[in-house]
C-alpha atoms as a PDB file:
ATOM      1  CA  UNK A   1      76.613  73.109  -3.935  1.00  0.00           C
ATOM      2  CA  UNK A   2      78.912  72.846  -0.935  1.00  0.00           C
ATOM      3  CA  UNK A   3      77.897  71.313   2.377  1.00  0.00           C
ATOM      4  CA  UNK A   4      79.040  73.510   5.259  1.00  0.00           C
ATOM      5  CA  UNK A   5      79.155  72.198   8.826  1.00  0.00           C
ATOM      6  CA  UNK A   6      78.893  74.990  11.392  1.00  0.00           C
ATOM      7  CA  UNK A   7      79.782  73.959  14.948  1.00  0.00           C
ATOM      8  CA  UNK A   8      78.889  76.047  17.992  1.00  0.00           C
ATOM      9  CA  UNK A   9      75.812  77.148  16.069  1.00  0.00           C
ATOM     10  CA  UNK A  10      73.935  78.470  19.109  1.00  0.00           C
ATOM     11  CA  UNK A  11      76.540  81.115  19.906  1.00  0.00           C
ATOM     12  CA  UNK A  12      76.900  84.669  18.640  1.00  0.00           C
ATOM     13  CA  UNK A  13      78.791  83.815  15.468  1.00  0.00           C
ATOM     14  CA  UNK A  14      76.848  80.628  14.852  1.00  0.00           C
ATOM     15  CA  UNK A  15      73.581  82.541  14.885  1.00  0.00           C
ATOM     16  CA  UNK A  16      74.981  85.148  12.503  1.00  0.00           C
ATOM     17  CA  UNK A  17      75.954  82.272  10.205  1.00  0.00           C
ATOM     18  CA  UNK A  18      72.368  81.012  10.408  1.00  0.00           C
ATOM     19  CA  UNK A  19      71.166  84.408   9.223  1.00  0.00           C
ATOM     20  CA  UNK A  20      73.577  84.379   6.285  1.00  0.00           C
ATOM     21  CA  UNK A  21      72.529  80.865   5.298  1.00  0.00           C
ATOM     22  CA  UNK A  22      69.122  82.275   4.351  1.00  0.00           C
ATOM     23  CA  UNK A  23      70.686  84.255   1.510  1.00  0.00           C
ATOM     24  CA  UNK A  24      73.519  81.880   0.572  1.00  0.00           C
ATOM     25  CA  UNK A  25      71.100  79.327  -0.852  1.00  0.00           C
ATOM     26  CA  UNK A  26      73.708  77.787  -3.143  1.00  0.00           C
ATOM     27  CA  UNK A  27      75.144  76.026  -0.074  1.00  0.00           C
ATOM     28  CA  UNK A  28      73.764  73.337   2.206  1.00  0.00           C
ATOM     29  CA  UNK A  29      74.317  74.276   5.853  1.00  0.00           C
ATOM     30  CA  UNK A  30      74.462  71.858   8.790  1.00  0.00           C
ATOM     31  CA  UNK A  31      74.174  73.740  12.081  1.00  0.00           C
ATOM     32  CA  UNK A  32      75.217  71.798  15.168  1.00  0.00           C
ATOM     33  CA  UNK A  33      75.867  72.439  18.819  1.00  0.00           C
ATOM     34  CA  UNK A  34      76.553  70.118  21.745  1.00  0.00           C
ATOM     35  CA  UNK A  35      73.039  68.620  21.534  1.00  0.00           C
ATOM     36  CA  UNK A  36      73.554  67.472  17.933  1.00  0.00           C
ATOM     37  CA  UNK A  37      77.313  66.886  17.756  1.00  0.00           C
ATOM     38  CA  UNK A  38      79.783  66.597  20.624  1.00  0.00           C
ATOM     39  CA  UNK A  39      83.005  67.820  19.030  1.00  0.00           C
ATOM     40  CA  UNK A  40      85.019  66.474  21.980  1.00  0.00           C
ATOM     41  CA  UNK A  41      84.085  62.960  20.760  1.00  0.00           C
ATOM     42  CA  UNK A  42      86.566  62.173  17.992  1.00  0.00           C
ATOM     43  CA  UNK A  43      84.637  59.209  16.579  1.00  0.00           C
ATOM     44  CA  UNK A  44      81.341  61.113  16.553  1.00  0.00           C
ATOM     45  CA  UNK A  45      83.003  63.964  14.657  1.00  0.00           C
ATOM     46  CA  UNK A  46      84.595  61.648  12.098  1.00  0.00           C
ATOM     47  CA  UNK A  47      81.333  59.794  11.508  1.00  0.00           C
ATOM     48  CA  UNK A  48      79.311  63.003  11.151  1.00  0.00           C
ATOM     49  CA  UNK A  49      81.723  64.582   8.673  1.00  0.00           C
ATOM     50  CA  UNK A  50      81.965  61.375   6.621  1.00  0.00           C
ATOM     51  CA  UNK A  51      78.250  60.509   6.648  1.00  0.00           C
ATOM     52  CA  UNK A  52      77.156  64.015   5.651  1.00  0.00           C
ATOM     53  CA  UNK A  53      79.773  64.471   2.924  1.00  0.00           C
ATOM     54  CA  UNK A  54      80.884  67.796   4.392  1.00  0.00           C
ATOM     55  CA  UNK A  55      82.930  70.153   2.190  1.00  0.00           C
ATOM     56  CA  UNK A  56      83.690  72.890   4.760  1.00  0.00           C
ATOM     57  CA  UNK A  57      83.849  72.936   8.542  1.00  0.00           C
ATOM     58  CA  UNK A  58      83.367  76.327  10.195  1.00  0.00           C
ATOM     59  CA  UNK A  59      84.275  75.933  13.854  1.00  0.00           C
ATOM     60  CA  UNK A  60      82.495  78.594  15.911  1.00  0.00           C
ATOM     61  CA  UNK A  61      82.585  76.513  19.095  1.00  0.00           C
ATOM     62  CA  UNK A  62      84.770  77.724  21.954  1.00  0.00           C
ATOM     63  CA  UNK A  63      85.143  77.922  25.714  1.00  0.00           C
ATOM     64  CA  UNK A  64      85.025  81.716  26.154  1.00  0.00           C
ATOM     65  CA  UNK A  65      84.550  82.201  29.907  1.00  0.00           C
ATOM     66  CA  UNK A  66      87.983  83.790  30.265  1.00  0.00           C
ATOM     67  CA  UNK A  67      88.042  84.148  34.060  1.00  0.00           C
ATOM     68  CA  UNK A  68      86.382  80.802  34.756  1.00  0.00           C
ATOM     69  CA  UNK A  69      88.960  79.110  32.534  1.00  0.00           C
ATOM     70  CA  UNK A  70      91.719  79.915  35.030  1.00  0.00           C
ATOM     71  CA  UNK A  71      90.194  77.312  37.385  1.00  0.00           C
ATOM     72  CA  UNK A  72      88.656  75.058  34.735  1.00  0.00           C
ATOM     73  CA  UNK A  73      91.725  74.345  32.653  1.00  0.00           C
ATOM     74  CA  UNK A  74      90.769  70.808  31.597  1.00  0.00           C
ATOM     75  CA  UNK A  75      87.338  71.761  30.249  1.00  0.00           C
ATOM     76  CA  UNK A  76      88.747  74.823  28.506  1.00  0.00           C
ATOM     77  CA  UNK A  77      91.509  72.803  26.825  1.00  0.00           C
ATOM     78  CA  UNK A  78      89.092  70.026  25.880  1.00  0.00           C
ATOM     79  CA  UNK A  79      86.957  72.444  23.841  1.00  0.00           C
ATOM     80  CA  UNK A  80      89.511  75.001  22.635  1.00  0.00           C
ATOM     81  CA  UNK A  81      92.270  72.576  21.701  1.00  0.00           C
ATOM     82  CA  UNK A  82      91.438  68.854  21.699  1.00  0.00           C
ATOM     83  CA  UNK A  83      88.033  69.280  20.028  1.00  0.00           C
ATOM     84  CA  UNK A  84      89.699  71.386  17.332  1.00  0.00           C
ATOM     85  CA  UNK A  85      92.119  68.524  16.732  1.00  0.00           C
ATOM     86  CA  UNK A  86      89.147  66.141  16.345  1.00  0.00           C
ATOM     87  CA  UNK A  87      87.606  68.381  13.714  1.00  0.00           C
ATOM     88  CA  UNK A  88      90.935  68.851  11.955  1.00  0.00           C
ATOM     89  CA  UNK A  89      91.629  65.122  11.724  1.00  0.00           C
ATOM     90  CA  UNK A  90      88.132  64.454  10.387  1.00  0.00           C
ATOM     91  CA  UNK A  91      88.624  67.248   7.869  1.00  0.00           C
ATOM     92  CA  UNK A  92      91.983  65.882   6.733  1.00  0.00           C
ATOM     93  CA  UNK A  93      90.715  62.311   6.342  1.00  0.00           C
ATOM     94  CA  UNK A  94      87.741  63.462   4.273  1.00  0.00           C
ATOM     95  CA  UNK A  95      89.434  66.153   2.201  1.00  0.00           C
ATOM     96  CA  UNK A  96      87.439  68.907   3.913  1.00  0.00           C
ATOM     97  CA  UNK A  97      88.475  72.557   4.169  1.00  0.00           C
ATOM     98  CA  UNK A  98      88.248  74.044   7.657  1.00  0.00           C
ATOM     99  CA  UNK A  99      87.820  77.592   8.958  1.00  0.00           C
ATOM    100  CA  UNK A 100      88.532  78.006  12.662  1.00  0.00           C
ATOM    101  CA  UNK A 101      87.909  81.049  14.838  1.00  0.00           C
ATOM    102  CA  UNK A 102      90.720  82.045  17.180  1.00  0.00           C
ATOM    103  CA  UNK A 103      91.440  85.151  19.222  1.00  0.00           C
ATOM    104  CA  UNK A 104      93.600  88.209  19.840  1.00  0.00           C
ATOM    105  CA  UNK A 105      94.334  86.653  23.253  1.00  0.00           C
ATOM    106  CA  UNK A 106      97.117  84.604  21.631  1.00  0.00           C
ATOM    107  CA  UNK A 107      99.176  87.829  21.720  1.00  0.00           C
ATOM    108  CA  UNK A 108     100.626  89.019  25.024  1.00  0.00           C
ATOM    109  CA  UNK A 109      99.313  92.566  24.621  1.00  0.00           C
ATOM    110  CA  UNK A 110     102.673  94.201  25.289  1.00  0.00           C
ATOM    111  CA  UNK A 111     103.127  95.496  21.763  1.00  0.00           C
ATOM    112  CA  UNK A 112     102.963  99.069  20.517  1.00  0.00           C
ATOM    113  CA  UNK A 113     101.883  98.532  16.896  1.00  0.00           C
ATOM    114  CA  UNK A 114      99.103  96.408  15.345  1.00  0.00           C
ATOM    115  CA  UNK A 115     100.006  92.728  15.550  1.00  0.00           C
ATOM    116  CA  UNK A 116     100.747  90.839  12.352  1.00  0.00           C
ATOM    117  CA  UNK A 117     100.129  87.128  11.947  1.00  0.00           C
ATOM    118  CA  UNK A 118     103.816  86.195  12.094  1.00  0.00           C
ATOM    119  CA  UNK A 119     104.518  88.226  15.230  1.00  0.00           C
ATOM    120  CA  UNK A 120     105.510  86.247  18.305  1.00  0.00           C
ATOM    121  CA  UNK A 121     102.574  84.763  20.201  1.00  0.00           C
ATOM    122  CA  UNK A 122     102.692  84.612  23.992  1.00  0.00           C
ATOM    123  CA  UNK A 123      99.238  84.259  25.570  1.00  0.00           C
ATOM    124  CA  UNK A 124      98.927  85.357  29.193  1.00  0.00           C
ATOM    125  CA  UNK A 125      95.727  83.496  30.148  1.00  0.00           C
ATOM    126  CA  UNK A 126      94.491  79.902  30.123  1.00  0.00           C
ATOM    127  CA  UNK A 127      91.934  80.888  27.514  1.00  0.00           C
ATOM    128  CA  UNK A 128      94.621  82.360  25.249  1.00  0.00           C
ATOM    129  CA  UNK A 129      96.949  79.396  25.746  1.00  0.00           C
ATOM    130  CA  UNK A 130      94.282  76.840  24.880  1.00  0.00           C
ATOM    131  CA  UNK A 131      93.209  78.812  21.822  1.00  0.00           C
ATOM    132  CA  UNK A 132      96.818  78.923  20.628  1.00  0.00           C
ATOM    133  CA  UNK A 133      97.153  75.186  21.197  1.00  0.00           C
ATOM    134  CA  UNK A 134      94.003  74.690  19.131  1.00  0.00           C
ATOM    135  CA  UNK A 135      95.529  76.680  16.281  1.00  0.00           C
ATOM    136  CA  UNK A 136      98.684  74.549  16.317  1.00  0.00           C
ATOM    137  CA  UNK A 137      96.798  71.251  16.469  1.00  0.00           C
ATOM    138  CA  UNK A 138      94.610  72.344  13.564  1.00  0.00           C
ATOM    139  CA  UNK A 139      97.481  73.425  11.336  1.00  0.00           C
ATOM    140  CA  UNK A 140      99.427  70.230  12.136  1.00  0.00           C
ATOM    141  CA  UNK A 141      96.498  67.961  11.272  1.00  0.00           C
ATOM    142  CA  UNK A 142      94.813  69.768   8.381  1.00  0.00           C
ATOM    143  CA  UNK A 143      96.714  71.702   5.750  1.00  0.00           C
ATOM    144  CA  UNK A 144      93.536  72.957   4.074  1.00  0.00           C
ATOM    145  CA  UNK A 145      92.605  75.226   6.965  1.00  0.00           C
ATOM    146  CA  UNK A 146      92.190  78.920   7.711  1.00  0.00           C
ATOM    147  CA  UNK A 147      92.566  80.358  11.210  1.00  0.00           C
ATOM    148  CA  UNK A 148      90.803  83.655  11.810  1.00  0.00           C
ATOM    149  CA  UNK A 149      92.024  85.548  14.864  1.00  0.00           C
ATOM    150  CA  UNK A 150      89.340  87.992  15.930  1.00  0.00           C
ATOM    151  CA  UNK A 151      88.706  90.347  18.852  1.00  0.00           C
ATOM    152  CA  UNK A 152      86.037  91.782  21.153  1.00  0.00           C
ATOM    153  CA  UNK A 153      83.176  89.936  19.472  1.00  0.00           C
ATOM    154  CA  UNK A 154      79.590  91.143  19.971  1.00  0.00           C
ATOM    155  CA  UNK A 155      76.237  90.565  18.320  1.00  0.00           C
ATOM    156  CA  UNK A 156      72.500  90.960  18.710  1.00  0.00           C
ATOM    157  CA  UNK A 157      72.632  87.314  19.832  1.00  0.00           C
ATOM    158  CA  UNK A 158      73.902  85.853  23.103  1.00  0.00           C
ATOM    159  CA  UNK A 159      75.588  87.643  25.982  1.00  0.00           C
ATOM    160  CA  UNK A 160      78.201  90.269  25.210  1.00  0.00           C
ATOM    161  CA  UNK A 161      79.645  93.646  26.175  1.00  0.00           C
ATOM    162  CA  UNK A 162      77.244  95.700  24.063  1.00  0.00           C
ATOM    163  CA  UNK A 163      74.165  94.094  25.590  1.00  0.00           C
ATOM    164  CA  UNK A 164      75.611  94.483  29.075  1.00  0.00           C
ATOM    165  CA  UNK A 165      76.336  98.191  28.525  1.00  0.00           C
ATOM    166  CA  UNK A 166      72.808  98.766  27.204  1.00  0.00           C
ATOM    167  CA  UNK A 167      71.301  97.042  30.234  1.00  0.00           C
ATOM    168  CA  UNK A 168      73.509  98.801  32.771  1.00  0.00           C
ATOM    169  CA  UNK A 169      72.896 102.108  31.033  1.00  0.00           C
ATOM    170  CA  UNK A 170      69.212 101.776  31.820  1.00  0.00           C
ATOM    171  CA  UNK A 171      69.688 100.375  35.339  1.00  0.00           C
ATOM    172  CA  UNK A 172      72.574 102.431  36.747  1.00  0.00           C
ATOM    173  CA  UNK A 173      73.369 106.087  37.227  1.00  0.00           C
ATOM    174  CA  UNK A 174      77.085 105.393  36.970  1.00  0.00           C
ATOM    175  CA  UNK A 175      79.342 102.576  35.768  1.00  0.00           C
ATOM    176  CA  UNK A 176      83.122 102.126  35.565  1.00  0.00           C
ATOM    177  CA  UNK A 177      84.908 100.661  32.546  1.00  0.00           C
ATOM    178  CA  UNK A 178      88.630 100.068  31.985  1.00  0.00           C
ATOM    179  CA  UNK A 179      90.407 102.549  29.728  1.00  0.00           C
ATOM    180  CA  UNK A 180      93.866 100.953  29.542  1.00  0.00           C
ATOM    181  CA  UNK A 181      92.977  97.903  27.432  1.00  0.00           C
ATOM    182  CA  UNK A 182      93.106  98.805  23.736  1.00  0.00           C
ATOM    183  CA  UNK A 183      91.727  96.775  20.857  1.00  0.00           C
ATOM    184  CA  UNK A 184      88.981  96.625  18.252  1.00  0.00           C
ATOM    185  CA  UNK A 185      85.325  95.625  18.666  1.00  0.00           C
ATOM    186  CA  UNK A 186      84.132  93.193  16.010  1.00  0.00           C
ATOM    187  CA  UNK A 187      80.513  92.697  14.985  1.00  0.00           C
ATOM    188  CA  UNK A 188      79.929  88.945  14.634  1.00  0.00           C
ATOM    189  CA  UNK A 189      77.842  89.625  11.524  1.00  0.00           C
ATOM    190  CA  UNK A 190      80.956  91.097   9.861  1.00  0.00           C
ATOM    191  CA  UNK A 191      82.984  88.029  10.821  1.00  0.00           C
ATOM    192  CA  UNK A 192      80.274  85.758   9.409  1.00  0.00           C
ATOM    193  CA  UNK A 193      80.381  87.731   6.155  1.00  0.00           C
ATOM    194  CA  UNK A 194      84.160  87.295   6.068  1.00  0.00           C
ATOM    195  CA  UNK A 195      83.805  83.530   6.494  1.00  0.00           C
ATOM    196  CA  UNK A 196      81.380  83.310   3.592  1.00  0.00           C
ATOM    197  CA  UNK A 197      83.645  85.447   1.413  1.00  0.00           C
ATOM    198  CA  UNK A 198      86.470  82.996   2.062  1.00  0.00           C
ATOM    199  CA  UNK A 199      84.251  80.034   1.204  1.00  0.00           C
ATOM    200  CA  UNK A 200      82.987  81.716  -1.966  1.00  0.00           C
ATOM    201  CA  UNK A 201      86.431  82.967  -2.998  1.00  0.00           C
ATOM    202  CA  UNK A 202      87.830  81.617  -6.303  1.00  0.00           C
ATOM    203  CA  UNK A 203      90.868  80.411  -4.382  1.00  0.00           C
ATOM    204  CA  UNK A 204      91.071  78.985  -0.863  1.00  0.00           C
ATOM    205  CA  UNK A 205      94.377  80.174   0.618  1.00  0.00           C
ATOM    206  CA  UNK A 206      95.202  78.355   3.887  1.00  0.00           C
ATOM    207  CA  UNK A 207      96.927  80.083   6.784  1.00  0.00           C
ATOM    208  CA  UNK A 208      96.485  82.338   9.801  1.00  0.00           C
ATOM    209  CA  UNK A 209      94.675  85.644   9.303  1.00  0.00           C
ATOM    210  CA  UNK A 210      93.786  88.514  11.607  1.00  0.00           C
ATOM    211  CA  UNK A 211      90.223  89.760  11.259  1.00  0.00           C
ATOM    212  CA  UNK A 212      88.458  92.469  13.224  1.00  0.00           C
ATOM    213  CA  UNK A 213      86.529  95.550  12.263  1.00  0.00           C
ATOM    214  CA  UNK A 214      88.590  98.654  11.466  1.00  0.00           C
ATOM    215  CA  UNK A 215      89.608 101.259  14.021  1.00  0.00           C
ATOM    216  CA  UNK A 216      90.911 101.265  17.579  1.00  0.00           C
ATOM    217  CA  UNK A 217      89.431 102.034  21.004  1.00  0.00           C
ATOM    218  CA  UNK A 218      89.508 101.174  24.690  1.00  0.00           C
ATOM    219  CA  UNK A 219      86.704  99.350  26.483  1.00  0.00           C
ATOM    220  CA  UNK A 220      85.816 102.736  28.012  1.00  0.00           C
ATOM    221  CA  UNK A 221      85.525 104.314  24.553  1.00  0.00           C
ATOM    222  CA  UNK A 222      83.466 101.336  23.419  1.00  0.00           C
ATOM    223  CA  UNK A 223      81.026 101.749  26.320  1.00  0.00           C
ATOM    224  CA  UNK A 224      80.691 105.492  25.748  1.00  0.00           C
ATOM    225  CA  UNK A 225      79.910 104.861  22.076  1.00  0.00           C
ATOM    226  CA  UNK A 226      77.278 102.243  22.935  1.00  0.00           C
ATOM    227  CA  UNK A 227      75.455 104.731  25.162  1.00  0.00           C
ATOM    228  CA  UNK A 228      75.798 107.598  22.705  1.00  0.00           C
ATOM    229  CA  UNK A 229      74.452 105.585  19.777  1.00  0.00           C
ATOM    230  CA  UNK A 230      71.624 104.151  21.886  1.00  0.00           C
ATOM    231  CA  UNK A 231      70.678 107.603  23.212  1.00  0.00           C
ATOM    232  CA  UNK A 232      71.429 106.712  26.833  1.00  0.00           C
ATOM    233  CA  UNK A 233      72.335 109.858  28.743  1.00  0.00           C
ATOM    234  CA  UNK A 234      71.350 109.291  32.368  1.00  0.00           C
ATOM    235  CA  UNK A 235      74.207 106.868  33.079  1.00  0.00           C
ATOM    236  CA  UNK A 236      77.715 108.262  33.497  1.00  0.00           C
ATOM    237  CA  UNK A 237      80.600 106.093  32.282  1.00  0.00           C
ATOM    238  CA  UNK A 238      83.786 106.501  34.321  1.00  0.00           C
ATOM    239  CA  UNK A 239      87.256 105.388  33.140  1.00  0.00           C
ATOM    240  CA  UNK A 240      89.248 103.152  35.492  1.00  0.00           C
ATOM    241  CA  UNK A 241      92.528 101.229  35.296  1.00  0.00           C
ATOM    242  CA  UNK A 242      92.540  97.453  34.914  1.00  0.00           C
ATOM    243  CA  UNK A 243      94.072  97.097  38.365  1.00  0.00           C
ATOM    244  CA  UNK A 244      90.926  98.704  39.806  1.00  0.00           C
ATOM    245  CA  UNK A 245      88.722  96.055  38.184  1.00  0.00           C
ATOM    246  CA  UNK A 246      89.276  92.642  39.789  1.00  0.00           C
ATOM    247  CA  UNK A 247      89.526  89.830  37.239  1.00  0.00           C
ATOM    248  CA  UNK A 248      91.091  86.400  37.629  1.00  0.00           C
ATOM    249  CA  UNK A 249      92.561  86.251  34.117  1.00  0.00           C
ATOM    250  CA  UNK A 250      95.046  88.745  32.722  1.00  0.00           C
ATOM    251  CA  UNK A 251      93.845  90.517  29.563  1.00  0.00           C
ATOM    252  CA  UNK A 252      96.115  91.852  26.804  1.00  0.00           C
ATOM    253  CA  UNK A 253      96.601  95.593  27.282  1.00  0.00           C
ATOM    254  CA  UNK A 254      97.089  96.139  23.548  1.00  0.00           C
ATOM    255  CA  UNK A 255      95.625  93.705  21.044  1.00  0.00           C
ATOM    256  CA  UNK A 256      95.040  95.774  17.913  1.00  0.00           C
ATOM    257  CA  UNK A 257      95.564  93.562  14.852  1.00  0.00           C
ATOM    258  CA  UNK A 258      96.900  94.385  11.403  1.00  0.00           C
ATOM    259  CA  UNK A 259      94.521  93.037   8.738  1.00  0.00           C
ATOM    260  CA  UNK A 260      96.495  93.773   5.577  1.00  0.00           C
ATOM    261  CA  UNK A 261      97.061  90.053   4.895  1.00  0.00           C
ATOM    262  CA  UNK A 262      93.389  89.081   4.749  1.00  0.00           C
ATOM    263  CA  UNK A 263      92.439  92.258   2.881  1.00  0.00           C
ATOM    264  CA  UNK A 264      95.059  91.553   0.226  1.00  0.00           C
ATOM    265  CA  UNK A 265      94.424  87.804  -0.055  1.00  0.00           C
ATOM    266  CA  UNK A 266      90.627  87.804  -0.059  1.00  0.00           C
ATOM    267  CA  UNK A 267      89.962  91.367  -1.266  1.00  0.00           C
ATOM    268  CA  UNK A 268      88.081  92.382   1.879  1.00  0.00           C
ATOM    269  CA  UNK A 269      86.418  95.723   2.519  1.00  0.00           C
ATOM    270  CA  UNK A 270      86.150  95.912   6.308  1.00  0.00           C
ATOM    271  CA  UNK A 271      83.822  98.437   8.018  1.00  0.00           C
ATOM    272  CA  UNK A 272      84.787 100.702  10.918  1.00  0.00           C
ATOM    273  CA  UNK A 273      83.689  99.357  14.281  1.00  0.00           C
ATOM    274  CA  UNK A 274      81.364 102.288  15.030  1.00  0.00           C
ATOM    275  CA  UNK A 275      79.565 101.812  11.713  1.00  0.00           C
ATOM    276  CA  UNK A 276      78.890  98.174  12.578  1.00  0.00           C
ATOM    277  CA  UNK A 277      77.991  99.006  16.170  1.00  0.00           C
ATOM    278  CA  UNK A 278      75.220 101.295  14.897  1.00  0.00           C
ATOM    279  CA  UNK A 279      73.796  98.408  12.863  1.00  0.00           C
ATOM    280  CA  UNK A 280      73.802  96.051  15.836  1.00  0.00           C
ATOM    281  CA  UNK A 281      72.223  98.587  18.226  1.00  0.00           C
ATOM    282  CA  UNK A 282      69.514  99.361  15.667  1.00  0.00           C
ATOM    283  CA  UNK A 283      68.597  95.680  15.673  1.00  0.00           C
ATOM    284  CA  UNK A 284      68.708  95.438  19.476  1.00  0.00           C
ATOM    285  CA  UNK A 285      66.490  98.497  19.968  1.00  0.00           C
ATOM    286  CA  UNK A 286      63.742  97.364  17.609  1.00  0.00           C
END
């Protein structure tokens, strides 16, 4: 039996990990958030990992308020970079394997083909820069670590794009969504499954991996699909350019990721994003 520490357990991914823990009974899960473990406190992290004889750390904690981060650089860096270093050092000292969740925002979004893990990284926002720093600090401190770069995360838990589109679809007659940012929605439940597959794999292969659901779309396409699947017809979704939607932080215009590395290494079968979206909306509409 492995003991798995899950940080950021009250977020979208953390809650999906809680759900999976109910069927992965061979493992002992420790779910923590800021109230139980402050990952920005290096000594607290080291003591917790040592005292609980942790085998795996799954870091789901992150500062994800992308626009707010532009003015709150210190707090963003503290959580997305320095706290990751605390976890990594504790993992290294105790011989613990670590899985850390990163983001497509480490890419600049100026590409024209799906990004591979060894492509140049050049984040264009504070959020992206701090997440990239977190990756580097992790890999420097803990060799036995996996970084999972994911994109456009949503779930039946927490606040996210899907929930917002469902709410606005019922409240508004018309909404506008950007059509010139291209990427891939990822159901947090699929990411949680991927994490458990890595943990349960016969071989733990450290490194950076891209993981999102399959397929490609714009945020506009995503919104249209949410309404179609949910049966919302009274609200019209209009496509607009990013320059028409005021946002403090710059978003990548193209952040589609190539997932051949993780599929080959861990033998993954990844669902199409619309297939997973249907599952999530079914849960939300119950």
